[in-house]
C-alpha atoms as a PDB file:
ATOM      1  CA  MET A   1       0.000   0.000   0.000  1.00  0.00           C
ATOM      2  CA  LYS A   2       1.123   3.544  -0.778  1.00  0.00           C
ATOM      3  CA  ARG A   3      -0.381   6.655   0.736  1.00  0.00           C
ATOM      4  CA  GLY A   4      -0.716   9.893  -1.220  1.00  0.00           C
ATOM      5  CA  LYS A   5      -1.811  13.225   0.233  1.00  0.00           C
ATOM      6  CA  GLU A   6      -5.406  12.018   0.728  1.00  0.00           C
ATOM      7  CA  LEU A   7      -5.668   8.967  -1.484  1.00  0.00           C
ATOM      8  CA  LEU A   8      -4.823   5.396  -0.554  1.00  0.00           C
ATOM      9  CA  ILE A   9      -3.158   3.365  -3.303  1.00  0.00           C
ATOM     10  CA  PHE A  10      -3.192  -0.441  -3.253  1.00  0.00           C
ATOM     11  CA  ASP A  11      -1.019  -2.519  -5.571  1.00  0.00           C
ATOM     12  CA  ARG A  12      -2.249  -5.784  -4.029  1.00  0.00           C
ATOM     13  CA  VAL A  13      -5.714  -6.863  -2.946  1.00  0.00           C
ATOM     14  CA  LEU A  14      -4.207  -8.278   0.270  1.00  0.00           C
ATOM     15  CA  ASN A  15      -3.215  -4.779   1.409  1.00  0.00           C
ATOM     16  CA  LEU A  16      -6.686  -3.443   0.571  1.00  0.00           C
ATOM     17  CA  TYR A  17      -8.352  -6.090   2.737  1.00  0.00           C
ATOM     18  CA  LYS A  18      -5.964  -5.454   5.610  1.00  0.00           C
ATOM     19  CA  HIS A  19      -6.654  -1.725   5.482  1.00  0.00           C
ATOM     20  CA  LEU A  20     -10.429  -2.265   5.402  1.00  0.00           C
ATOM     21  CA  GLY A  21     -10.178  -4.620   8.382  1.00  0.00           C
ATOM     22  CA  LEU A  22     -11.456  -7.609   6.402  1.00  0.00           C
ATOM     23  CA  PRO A  23     -10.192 -11.161   7.025  1.00  0.00           C
ATOM     24  CA  ASP A  24      -7.306 -11.867   4.657  1.00  0.00           C
ATOM     25  CA  ASP A  25      -6.262 -15.396   5.641  1.00  0.00           C
ATOM     26  CA  CYS A  26      -8.109 -16.849   2.626  1.00  0.00           C
ATOM     27  CA  ILE A  27      -6.095 -14.749   0.138  1.00  0.00           C
ATOM     28  CA  ASP A  28      -3.104 -16.454  -1.474  1.00  0.00           C
ATOM     29  CA  ASP A  29      -1.101 -13.408  -2.498  1.00  0.00           C
ATOM     30  CA  LYS A  30       1.575 -15.450  -4.290  1.00  0.00           C
ATOM     31  CA  ILE A  31      -0.512 -16.268  -7.379  1.00  0.00           C
ATOM     32  CA  GLU A  32      -1.729 -12.660  -7.940  1.00  0.00           C
ATOM     33  CA  PHE A  33      -5.346 -13.818  -8.171  1.00  0.00           C
ATOM     34  CA  SER A  34      -8.201 -13.916  -5.680  1.00  0.00           C
ATOM     35  CA  ILE A  35     -11.929 -14.557  -5.551  1.00  0.00           C
ATOM     36  CA  LEU A  36     -13.942 -14.045  -2.385  1.00  0.00           C
ATOM     37  CA  ASN A  37     -17.545 -13.630  -1.283  1.00  0.00           C
ATOM     38  CA  LEU A  38     -17.492 -10.384   0.686  1.00  0.00           C
ATOM     39  CA  GLY A  39     -20.896 -11.305   2.078  1.00  0.00           C
ATOM     40  CA  ASN A  40     -19.166 -13.886   4.286  1.00  0.00           C
ATOM     41  CA  PHE A  41     -17.278 -11.172   6.157  1.00  0.00           C
ATOM     42  CA  PRO A  42     -18.691  -9.521   9.310  1.00  0.00           C
ATOM     43  CA  VAL A  43     -19.112  -5.931   8.100  1.00  0.00           C
ATOM     44  CA  GLU A  44     -21.447  -3.596   9.970  1.00  0.00           C
ATOM     45  CA  MET A  45     -24.021  -1.917   7.718  1.00  0.00           C
ATOM     46  CA  PRO A  46     -24.257   0.729   6.449  1.00  0.00           C
ATOM     47  CA  TYR A  47     -20.619   0.808   5.363  1.00  0.00           C
ATOM     48  CA  THR A  48     -18.655   3.419   3.402  1.00  0.00           C
ATOM     49  CA  SER A  49     -15.137   2.724   2.197  1.00  0.00           C
ATOM     50  CA  PRO A  50     -12.344   5.295   1.966  1.00  0.00           C
ATOM     51  CA  CYS A  51     -11.350   6.602  -1.471  1.00  0.00           C
ATOM     52  CA  TYR A  52      -8.601   4.435  -2.919  1.00  0.00           C
ATOM     53  CA  ARG A  53      -6.850   3.557  -6.137  1.00  0.00           C
ATOM     54  CA  ALA A  54      -6.576  -0.151  -6.975  1.00  0.00           C
ATOM     55  CA  ASN A  55      -3.718  -1.140  -9.269  1.00  0.00           C
ATOM     56  CA  PHE A  56      -5.181  -4.508 -10.233  1.00  0.00           C
ATOM     57  CA  TYR A  57      -8.048  -5.839 -12.362  1.00  0.00           C
ATOM     58  CA  SER A  58     -11.358  -6.629 -10.706  1.00  0.00           C
ATOM     59  CA  PHE A  59     -14.737  -8.131 -11.516  1.00  0.00           C
ATOM     60  CA  VAL A  60     -17.704  -7.648  -9.193  1.00  0.00           C
ATOM     61  CA  PHE A  61     -20.660 -10.049  -9.264  1.00  0.00           C
ATOM     62  CA  VAL A  62     -23.551  -8.742  -7.154  1.00  0.00           C
ATOM     63  CA  LYS A  63     -26.124 -11.397  -6.283  1.00  0.00           C
ATOM     64  CA  ASN A  64     -27.588  -9.972  -3.100  1.00  0.00           C
ATOM     65  CA  CYS A  65     -26.236  -6.556  -2.224  1.00  0.00           C
ATOM     66  CA  ARG A  66     -27.325  -2.933  -2.390  1.00  0.00           C
ATOM     67  CA  GLY A  67     -25.412   0.293  -2.350  1.00  0.00           C
ATOM     68  CA  ASN A  68     -23.492   2.711  -4.518  1.00  0.00           C
ATOM     69  CA  CYS A  69     -20.073   2.694  -6.125  1.00  0.00           C
ATOM     70  CA  SER A  70     -17.915   5.260  -7.895  1.00  0.00           C
ATOM     71  CA  SER A  71     -14.998   4.887 -10.305  1.00  0.00           C
ATOM     72  CA  ASP A  72     -13.297   8.196 -11.060  1.00  0.00           C
ATOM     73  CA  ASP A  73     -16.178  10.465 -12.149  1.00  0.00           C
ATOM     74  CA  HIS A  74     -18.589   7.615 -12.883  1.00  0.00           C
ATOM     75  CA  ARG A  75     -21.181   6.675 -10.272  1.00  0.00           C
ATOM     76  CA  PHE A  76     -23.624   3.800 -10.325  1.00  0.00           C
ATOM     77  CA  LYS A  77     -25.865   1.708  -8.084  1.00  0.00           C
ATOM     78  CA  LEU A  78     -25.004  -1.752  -6.845  1.00  0.00           C
ATOM     79  CA  LEU A  79     -28.156  -3.822  -7.301  1.00  0.00           C
ATOM     80  CA  PRO A  80     -28.827  -7.571  -7.387  1.00  0.00           C
ATOM     81  CA  GLY A  81     -27.718  -8.877 -10.772  1.00  0.00           C
ATOM     82  CA  THR A  82     -24.978  -6.280 -11.348  1.00  0.00           C
ATOM     83  CA  VAL A  83     -21.814  -7.371 -13.153  1.00  0.00           C
ATOM     84  CA  TYR A  84     -19.014  -4.825 -13.166  1.00  0.00           C
ATOM     85  CA  PHE A  85     -15.435  -4.709 -14.445  1.00  0.00           C
ATOM     86  CA  ASN A  86     -12.633  -2.292 -13.583  1.00  0.00           C
ATOM     87  CA  ASN A  87      -9.060  -2.211 -14.833  1.00  0.00           C
ATOM     88  CA  PRO A  88      -6.086  -0.881 -12.829  1.00  0.00           C
ATOM     89  CA  GLY A  89      -5.594   2.752 -11.903  1.00  0.00           C
ATOM     90  CA  HIS A  90      -9.065   4.068 -11.121  1.00  0.00           C
ATOM     91  CA  ILE A  91     -10.088   5.960  -7.984  1.00  0.00           C
ATOM     92  CA  LYS A  92     -12.843   4.006  -6.253  1.00  0.00           C
ATOM     93  CA  GLN A  93     -15.226   4.324  -3.354  1.00  0.00           C
ATOM     94  CA  PHE A  94     -18.276   2.311  -2.373  1.00  0.00           C
ATOM     95  CA  SER A  95     -21.057   2.565   0.171  1.00  0.00           C
ATOM     96  CA  LEU A  96     -23.262  -0.381   1.119  1.00  0.00           C
ATOM     97  CA  THR A  97     -26.604  -0.652   2.872  1.00  0.00           C
ATOM     98  CA  GLU A  98     -26.824  -4.432   2.503  1.00  0.00           C
ATOM     99  CA  MET A  99     -24.261  -7.096   1.621  1.00  0.00           C
ATOM    100  CA  LYS A 100     -25.150 -10.783   1.691  1.00  0.00           C
ATOM    101  CA  ASP A 101     -23.659 -12.143  -1.526  1.00  0.00           C
ATOM    102  CA  LEU A 102     -21.071 -10.147  -3.495  1.00  0.00           C
ATOM    103  CA  HIS A 103     -18.175 -11.948  -5.153  1.00  0.00           C
ATOM    104  CA  LEU A 104     -15.039  -9.962  -5.915  1.00  0.00           C
ATOM    105  CA  LEU A 105     -12.589 -11.460  -8.419  1.00  0.00           C
ATOM    106  CA  THR A 106      -9.169  -9.784  -8.773  1.00  0.00           C
ATOM    107  CA  PHE A 107      -6.053 -10.527 -10.815  1.00  0.00           C
ATOM    108  CA  SER A 108      -2.860  -8.946 -12.141  1.00  0.00           C
ATOM    109  CA  GLU A 109      -1.592  -8.567 -15.687  1.00  0.00           C
ATOM    110  CA  SER A 110       1.140 -11.075 -14.878  1.00  0.00           C
ATOM    111  CA  PHE A 111      -1.470 -13.662 -13.917  1.00  0.00           C
ATOM    112  CA  LEU A 112      -3.273 -13.155 -17.231  1.00  0.00           C
ATOM    113  CA  LYS A 113      -0.124 -13.445 -19.324  1.00  0.00           C
ATOM    114  CA  GLN A 114       1.195 -16.462 -17.442  1.00  0.00           C
ATOM    115  CA  ASN A 115      -2.025 -18.466 -17.181  1.00  0.00           C
ATOM    116  CA  VAL A 116      -4.201 -17.366 -20.104  1.00  0.00           C
ATOM    117  CA  HIS A 117      -1.931 -16.316 -22.976  1.00  0.00           C
ATOM    118  CA  ALA A 118       0.674 -13.686 -23.747  1.00  0.00           C
ATOM    119  CA  SER A 119      -1.547 -11.847 -26.267  1.00  0.00           C
ATOM    120  CA  ILE A 120      -4.503 -11.571 -23.898  1.00  0.00           C
ATOM    121  CA  PHE A 121      -5.226  -7.934 -24.812  1.00  0.00           C
ATOM    122  CA  GLU A 122      -5.593  -8.728 -28.507  1.00  0.00           C
ATOM    123  CA  GLU A 123      -8.453 -11.121 -27.835  1.00  0.00           C
ATOM    124  CA  PHE A 124      -9.985  -9.076 -25.027  1.00  0.00           C
ATOM    125  CA  PRO A 125      -9.336  -5.380 -25.815  1.00  0.00           C
ATOM    126  CA  PHE A 126     -11.899  -4.265 -23.246  1.00  0.00           C
ATOM    127  CA  LEU A 127      -9.288  -5.161 -20.600  1.00  0.00           C
ATOM    128  CA  LEU A 128      -7.497  -1.992 -21.730  1.00  0.00           C
ATOM    129  CA  ALA A 129     -10.644   0.141 -21.762  1.00  0.00           C
ATOM    130  CA  GLU A 130     -10.509   3.023 -19.337  1.00  0.00           C
ATOM    131  CA  THR A 131     -14.209   3.023 -18.493  1.00  0.00           C
ATOM    132  CA  VAL A 132     -16.592   0.114 -18.974  1.00  0.00           C
ATOM    133  CA  PRO A 133     -20.189   0.566 -17.782  1.00  0.00           C
ATOM    134  CA  PRO A 134     -21.750  -1.969 -15.373  1.00  0.00           C
ATOM    135  CA  LYS A 135     -24.739  -4.028 -16.410  1.00  0.00           C
ATOM    136  CA  VAL A 136     -27.693  -5.352 -14.424  1.00  0.00           C
ATOM    137  CA  LEU A 137     -28.800  -8.808 -15.599  1.00  0.00           C
ATOM    138  CA  ASP A 138     -32.053 -10.670 -15.040  1.00  0.00           C
ATOM    139  CA  PRO A 139     -31.848 -13.703 -12.692  1.00  0.00           C
ATOM    140  CA  ASP A 140     -31.530 -16.256 -15.501  1.00  0.00           C
ATOM    141  CA  GLN A 141     -28.699 -14.345 -17.181  1.00  0.00           C
ATOM    142  CA  PHE A 142     -26.906 -13.778 -13.892  1.00  0.00           C
ATOM    143  CA  SER A 143     -27.098 -17.469 -12.964  1.00  0.00           C
ATOM    144  CA  GLU A 144     -24.942 -18.320 -15.994  1.00  0.00           C
ATOM    145  CA  TYR A 145     -22.169 -16.071 -14.657  1.00  0.00           C
ATOM    146  CA  GLU A 146     -22.725 -17.380 -11.138  1.00  0.00           C
ATOM    147  CA  GLN A 147     -22.011 -20.951 -12.229  1.00  0.00           C
ATOM    148  CA  LEU A 148     -18.714 -19.813 -13.741  1.00  0.00           C
ATOM    149  CA  TYR A 149     -17.425 -17.705 -10.861  1.00  0.00           C
ATOM    150  CA  LEU A 150     -18.448 -20.328  -8.284  1.00  0.00           C
ATOM    151  CA  GLN A 151     -16.487 -22.921 -10.254  1.00  0.00           C
ATOM    152  CA  ILE A 152     -13.493 -20.566 -10.234  1.00  0.00           C
ATOM    153  CA  LEU A 153     -13.949 -20.118  -6.465  1.00  0.00           C
ATOM    154  CA  LYS A 154     -13.960 -23.900  -5.968  1.00  0.00           C
ATOM    155  CA  VAL A 155     -10.689 -24.278  -7.886  1.00  0.00           C
ATOM    156  CA  TYR A 156      -9.137 -21.321  -6.043  1.00  0.00           C
ATOM    157  CA  ALA A 157      -9.944 -22.940  -2.679  1.00  0.00           C
ATOM    158  CA  SER A 158      -8.694 -26.380  -3.768  1.00  0.00           C
ATOM    159  CA  GLY A 159      -4.992 -25.771  -3.231  1.00  0.00           C
ATOM    160  CA  SER A 160      -4.201 -27.815  -6.341  1.00  0.00           C
ATOM    161  CA  PRO A 161      -0.687 -27.266  -7.755  1.00  0.00           C
ATOM    162  CA  TYR A 162      -2.399 -26.763 -11.131  1.00  0.00           C
ATOM    163  CA  ARG A 163      -5.058 -24.356  -9.944  1.00  0.00           C
ATOM    164  CA  SER A 164      -3.557 -21.248 -11.602  1.00  0.00           C
ATOM    165  CA  LYS A 165      -3.770 -22.876 -15.030  1.00  0.00           C
ATOM    166  CA  GLN A 166      -7.245 -24.242 -14.268  1.00  0.00           C
ATOM    167  CA  ILE A 167      -8.389 -20.782 -13.206  1.00  0.00           C
ATOM    168  CA  GLY A 168      -6.810 -19.366 -16.360  1.00  0.00           C
ATOM    169  CA  HIS A 169      -8.901 -21.677 -18.559  1.00  0.00           C
ATOM    170  CA  LEU A 170     -12.105 -20.856 -16.666  1.00  0.00           C
ATOM    171  CA  LEU A 171     -11.259 -17.165 -16.853  1.00  0.00           C
ATOM    172  CA  VAL A 172     -11.119 -17.405 -20.651  1.00  0.00           C
ATOM    173  CA  VAL A 173     -14.684 -18.751 -20.671  1.00  0.00           C
ATOM    174  CA  LEU A 174     -15.789 -15.913 -18.415  1.00  0.00           C
ATOM    175  CA  LEU A 175     -14.023 -13.265 -20.511  1.00  0.00           C
ATOM    176  CA  LEU A 176     -15.479 -14.643 -23.748  1.00  0.00           C
ATOM    177  CA  LYS A 177     -18.949 -14.572 -22.258  1.00  0.00           C
ATOM    178  CA  ILE A 178     -18.518 -11.011 -21.047  1.00  0.00           C
ATOM    179  CA  LYS A 179     -17.022  -9.898 -24.364  1.00  0.00           C
ATOM    180  CA  GLU A 180     -19.970 -11.343 -26.270  1.00  0.00           C
ATOM    181  CA  ALA A 181     -22.735 -10.102 -24.004  1.00  0.00           C
ATOM    182  CA  PHE A 182     -21.412  -6.741 -22.854  1.00  0.00           C
ATOM    183  CA  TRP A 183     -18.901  -5.147 -25.137  1.00  0.00           C
ATOM    184  CA  SER A 184     -19.072  -6.658 -28.625  1.00  0.00           C
ATOM    185  CA  ASN A 185     -19.818  -3.194 -29.999  1.00  0.00           C
ATOM    186  CA  TYR A 186     -17.991  -1.174 -27.358  1.00  0.00           C
ATOM    187  CA  ASP A 187     -15.330   1.191 -28.667  1.00  0.00           C
ATOM    188  CA  PRO A 188     -13.785   2.937 -25.629  1.00  0.00           C
ATOM    189  CA  ILE A 189     -11.422   5.136 -27.638  1.00  0.00           C
ATOM    190  CA  THR A 190     -14.381   7.078 -29.029  1.00  0.00           C
ATOM    191  CA  GLU A 191     -15.793   7.750 -25.570  1.00  0.00           C
ATOM    192  CA  GLY A 192     -14.781  10.086 -22.802  1.00  0.00           C
ATOM    193  CA  ASN A 193     -12.825  13.286 -22.879  1.00  0.00           C
ATOM    194  CA  LYS A 194      -9.455  14.000 -24.443  1.00  0.00           C
ATOM    195  CA  THR A 195      -7.417  12.847 -21.477  1.00  0.00           C
ATOM    196  CA  SER A 196      -9.309   9.536 -21.359  1.00  0.00           C
ATOM    197  CA  GLN A 197      -8.423   8.947 -24.997  1.00  0.00           C
ATOM    198  CA  ILE A 198      -4.781   9.740 -24.258  1.00  0.00           C
ATOM    199  CA  VAL A 199      -4.701   7.139 -21.474  1.00  0.00           C
ATOM    200  CA  LYS A 200      -6.404   4.564 -23.686  1.00  0.00           C
ATOM    201  CA  SER A 201      -4.015   5.201 -26.587  1.00  0.00           C
ATOM    202  CA  PHE A 202      -0.985   5.068 -24.278  1.00  0.00           C
ATOM    203  CA  LYS A 203      -2.039   1.652 -22.943  1.00  0.00           C
ATOM    204  CA  ILE A 204      -2.556   0.320 -26.458  1.00  0.00           C
ATOM    205  CA  HIS A 205       0.806   1.671 -27.636  1.00  0.00           C
ATOM    206  CA  LEU A 206       2.523   0.207 -24.560  1.00  0.00           C
ATOM    207  CA  GLU A 207       1.009  -3.228 -25.146  1.00  0.00           C
ATOM    208  CA  THR A 208       1.732  -3.155 -28.887  1.00  0.00           C
ATOM    209  CA  HIS A 209       5.343  -2.068 -28.420  1.00  0.00           C
ATOM    210  CA  TYR A 210       6.139  -4.792 -25.903  1.00  0.00           C
ATOM    211  CA  ARG A 211       4.536  -7.379 -28.137  1.00  0.00           C
ATOM    212  CA  GLU A 212       6.896  -6.210 -30.905  1.00  0.00           C
ATOM    213  CA  LEU A 213       9.865  -6.290 -28.518  1.00  0.00           C
ATOM    214  CA  VAL A 214       9.334  -9.900 -27.440  1.00  0.00           C
ATOM    215  CA  GLN A 215       8.807 -10.898 -31.075  1.00  0.00           C
ATOM    216  CA  ASP A 216      12.111  -9.187 -31.919  1.00  0.00           C
ATOM    217  CA  LYS A 217      10.340  -6.751 -34.250  1.00  0.00           C
ATOM    218  CA  ALA A 218      11.552  -3.645 -32.383  1.00  0.00           C
ATOM    219  CA  ASP A 219      15.152  -2.774 -31.620  1.00  0.00           C
ATOM    220  CA  LYS A 220      14.784  -0.328 -28.747  1.00  0.00           C
ATOM    221  CA  VAL A 221      12.630   0.232 -25.677  1.00  0.00           C
ATOM    222  CA  TYR A 222      10.349   3.251 -25.905  1.00  0.00           C
ATOM    223  CA  ARG A 223      10.591   6.054 -23.367  1.00  0.00           C
ATOM    224  CA  VAL A 224       8.079   8.759 -22.533  1.00  0.00           C
ATOM    225  CA  GLN A 225       9.083  10.910 -25.517  1.00  0.00           C
ATOM    226  CA  ASN A 226       8.418   8.002 -27.894  1.00  0.00           C
ATOM    227  CA  TYR A 227       4.934   7.414 -26.519  1.00  0.00           C
ATOM    228  CA  ALA A 228       4.224  11.151 -26.622  1.00  0.00           C
ATOM    229  CA  SER A 229       5.371  11.326 -30.237  1.00  0.00           C
ATOM    230  CA  LEU A 230       2.946   8.555 -31.195  1.00  0.00           C
ATOM    231  CA  GLN A 231       0.099  10.848 -30.074  1.00  0.00           C
ATOM    232  CA  SER A 232       1.710  14.085 -31.318  1.00  0.00           C
ATOM    233  CA  ILE A 233       1.713  15.632 -27.850  1.00  0.00           C
ATOM    234  CA  HIS A 234       4.433  17.001 -25.591  1.00  0.00           C
ATOM    235  CA  PRO A 235       6.131  14.454 -23.276  1.00  0.00           C
ATOM    236  CA  ASN A 236       5.383  16.600 -20.208  1.00  0.00           C
ATOM    237  CA  TYR A 237       1.696  16.723 -21.132  1.00  0.00           C
ATOM    238  CA  LEU A 238       1.570  12.938 -21.546  1.00  0.00           C
ATOM    239  CA  SER A 239       3.334  12.461 -18.214  1.00  0.00           C
ATOM    240  CA  ASN A 240       0.921  14.771 -16.416  1.00  0.00           C
ATOM    241  CA  VAL A 241      -2.156  13.100 -17.939  1.00  0.00           C
ATOM    242  CA  ILE A 242      -0.992   9.568 -17.152  1.00  0.00           C
ATOM    243  CA  LYS A 243      -0.001  10.475 -13.591  1.00  0.00           C
ATOM    244  CA  THR A 244      -3.258  12.343 -12.935  1.00  0.00           C
ATOM    245  CA  LYS A 245      -5.574   9.768 -14.476  1.00  0.00           C
ATOM    246  CA  THR A 246      -3.887   6.554 -13.307  1.00  0.00           C
ATOM    247  CA  GLY A 247      -1.872   7.556 -10.252  1.00  0.00           C
ATOM    248  CA  LYS A 248       1.295   6.094 -11.779  1.00  0.00           C
ATOM    249  CA  THR A 249       4.050   7.667 -13.844  1.00  0.00           C
ATOM    250  CA  VAL A 250       4.837   6.612 -17.399  1.00  0.00           C
ATOM    251  CA  SER A 251       8.073   5.136 -16.041  1.00  0.00           C
ATOM    252  CA  SER A 252       6.095   3.010 -13.581  1.00  0.00           C
ATOM    253  CA  TRP A 253       3.857   1.728 -16.366  1.00  0.00           C
ATOM    254  CA  ILE A 254       6.944   0.848 -18.431  1.00  0.00           C
ATOM    255  CA  ALA A 255       8.632  -0.886 -15.475  1.00  0.00           C
ATOM    256  CA  GLU A 256       5.540  -2.941 -14.639  1.00  0.00           C
ATOM    257  CA  LYS A 257       5.108  -3.926 -18.283  1.00  0.00           C
ATOM    258  CA  THR A 258       8.779  -4.981 -18.474  1.00  0.00           C
ATOM    259  CA  ILE A 259       8.408  -7.226 -15.425  1.00  0.00           C
ATOM    260  CA  ALA A 260       5.108  -8.692 -16.656  1.00  0.00           C
ATOM    261  CA  GLU A 261       6.652  -9.600 -20.021  1.00  0.00           C
ATOM    262  CA  ALA A 262       9.779 -10.978 -18.344  1.00  0.00           C
ATOM    263  CA  LYS A 263       7.681 -13.214 -16.073  1.00  0.00           C
ATOM    264  CA  SER A 264       5.664 -14.450 -19.035  1.00  0.00           C
ATOM    265  CA  LEU A 265       8.785 -15.317 -21.046  1.00  0.00           C
ATOM    266  CA  LEU A 266      10.492 -16.993 -18.093  1.00  0.00           C
ATOM    267  CA  GLN A 267       7.484 -19.148 -17.312  1.00  0.00           C
ATOM    268  CA  ASN A 268       6.051 -19.867 -20.747  1.00  0.00           C
ATOM    269  CA  SER A 269       9.125 -20.221 -22.954  1.00  0.00           C
ATOM    270  CA  SER A 270      12.568 -21.789 -22.996  1.00  0.00           C
ATOM    271  CA  THR A 271      14.156 -18.562 -24.258  1.00  0.00           C
ATOM    272  CA  PRO A 272      17.565 -18.137 -22.596  1.00  0.00           C
ATOM    273  CA  ILE A 273      17.698 -15.437 -19.934  1.00  0.00           C
ATOM    274  CA  LYS A 274      20.428 -13.653 -21.891  1.00  0.00           C
ATOM    275  CA  GLN A 275      18.092 -13.429 -24.895  1.00  0.00           C
ATOM    276  CA  ILE A 276      15.161 -12.275 -22.741  1.00  0.00           C
ATOM    277  CA  ALA A 277      17.363  -9.479 -21.420  1.00  0.00           C
ATOM    278  CA  SER A 278      18.228  -8.437 -24.961  1.00  0.00           C
ATOM    279  CA  LEU A 279      14.596  -8.580 -26.150  1.00  0.00           C
ATOM    280  CA  LEU A 280      13.516  -6.308 -23.287  1.00  0.00           C
ATOM    281  CA  GLY A 281      16.192  -3.722 -24.050  1.00  0.00           C
ATOM    282  CA  PHE A 282      18.911  -4.571 -21.517  1.00  0.00           C
ATOM    283  CA  SER A 283      22.451  -4.268 -22.863  1.00  0.00           C
ATOM    284  CA  GLU A 284      23.795  -6.761 -20.316  1.00  0.00           C
ATOM    285  CA  PRO A 285      22.141  -9.832 -18.733  1.00  0.00           C
ATOM    286  CA  THR A 286      23.410  -8.719 -15.321  1.00  0.00           C
ATOM    287  CA  HIS A 287      21.514  -5.433 -15.681  1.00  0.00           C
ATOM    288  CA  PHE A 288      18.338  -7.390 -16.416  1.00  0.00           C
ATOM    289  CA  SER A 289      18.921  -9.757 -13.476  1.00  0.00           C
ATOM    290  CA  ASN A 290      19.467  -6.864 -11.078  1.00  0.00           C
ATOM    291  CA  TYR A 291      16.390  -5.047 -12.409  1.00  0.00           C
ATOM    292  CA  PHE A 292      14.220  -8.169 -12.143  1.00  0.00           C
ATOM    293  CA  LYS A 293      15.425  -8.941  -8.625  1.00  0.00           C
ATOM    294  CA  LYS A 294      14.850  -5.342  -7.513  1.00  0.00           C
ATOM    295  CA  ASN A 295      11.221  -5.532  -8.654  1.00  0.00           C
ATOM    296  CA  THR A 296      10.387  -9.116  -7.654  1.00  0.00           C
ATOM    297  CA  ASN A 297      12.833  -9.994  -4.840  1.00  0.00           C
ATOM    298  CA  THR A 298      14.012 -13.022  -6.796  1.00  0.00           C
ATOM    299  CA  SER A 299      16.406 -13.686  -9.661  1.00  0.00           C
ATOM    300  CA  PRO A 300      15.183 -14.574 -13.186  1.00  0.00           C
ATOM    301  CA  ALA A 301      16.780 -18.009 -12.928  1.00  0.00           C
ATOM    302  CA  TYR A 302      15.139 -18.790  -9.586  1.00  0.00           C
ATOM    303  CA  TYR A 303      11.785 -17.447 -10.795  1.00  0.00           C
ATOM    304  CA  ARG A 304      11.956 -19.789 -13.813  1.00  0.00           C
ATOM    305  CA  LYS A 305      12.841 -22.703 -11.523  1.00  0.00           C
ATOM    306  CA  LEU A 306       9.853 -21.998  -9.253  1.00  0.00           C
ATOM    307  CA  ALA A 307       7.519 -21.671 -12.231  1.00  0.00           C
ATOM    308  CA  SER A 308       8.607 -24.916 -13.878  1.00  0.00           C
END
C-alpha cells in the first residue's frame, strides 16, 4: 500500500483487505489472483469505504447486495444482478446498505499473461478500456455467470498445484462470455474526454510495443518521448495526464510492463535469460537480473525454476 496526500493506493488486494479490516487469511497473495464472497465477512451496515486507487483488475458479481459505487467520475448503483469490471488505476469508493452475496474477483496482468496467454489484450481489448459501464442482468442471465465464478472459487480454494492454469482456462470462458454479451460493440477510444483517450491510446501503444519487442520486431525500448510522439503531444503533457488519471508515472507503467513480459517469457518459454534481457532492451544480462530482482525480490533463474 502507498499513501498519497489524501488517497490510498493499493497494488495488491491483500493490502486493501488489511486496510479495510477484512479477514485476509483466505487470500493467497503469491498467485496474484483472488476470488472471495465479501458477504461472508462480518461488516457492519451501512458501510462506506475510503477513497482508494486499486492497481489490479477486478470483476464484481452482485447477487444480493445494495449500495453505490464510484470509479473516477462515474457513479452507479449496486443492485442484485450487477456485473461490473474495472481495470487498474481508477479511484474508487463504495457505500453499502446491505451485503449478503457479493463476489469480488481480482487478478494482475502477470497472472493473465502467465495463465491465459501472452496476447490476452488482442483477444480481449476491453481489458485496456478506461471506463466500462456496469450491467444489471435478469436472474436467468446472472445465474450463468454465477455458475462460472463459483467454479473458479472452488478451484481457487482447492490448493491444487495446477489451480492457476485451471483458473486461467475458466477465466477465458468468463471473458469470452462477457465480451460477447457486454462489449461486442464497445469502442472505448471514441468515448470520454481527451485525457481519457490519451490514457487509452498510451495503454494500447505500450502493449503493442512490448509485443513487438518480445517478437524481436523492435530494436529499442520506448521512453516517454516516444509514446508522446505517437500521439503528437508534448512528453510533459503525456506524463501529467498519465499520472493524474492513473496515479502512476509513465516510467512506472513501463517498469511494470517490463516485469510482466519478463515473467511471461520466463514461465512460458525456454528462451535463454540472456536473450530475454536483450529482447527487453537490456544491454547486459546482469543489468536485467538486477532489475528483475529489484522488482520481484528473486532472480530470473530462480523465478523460472519456481515456475517450472
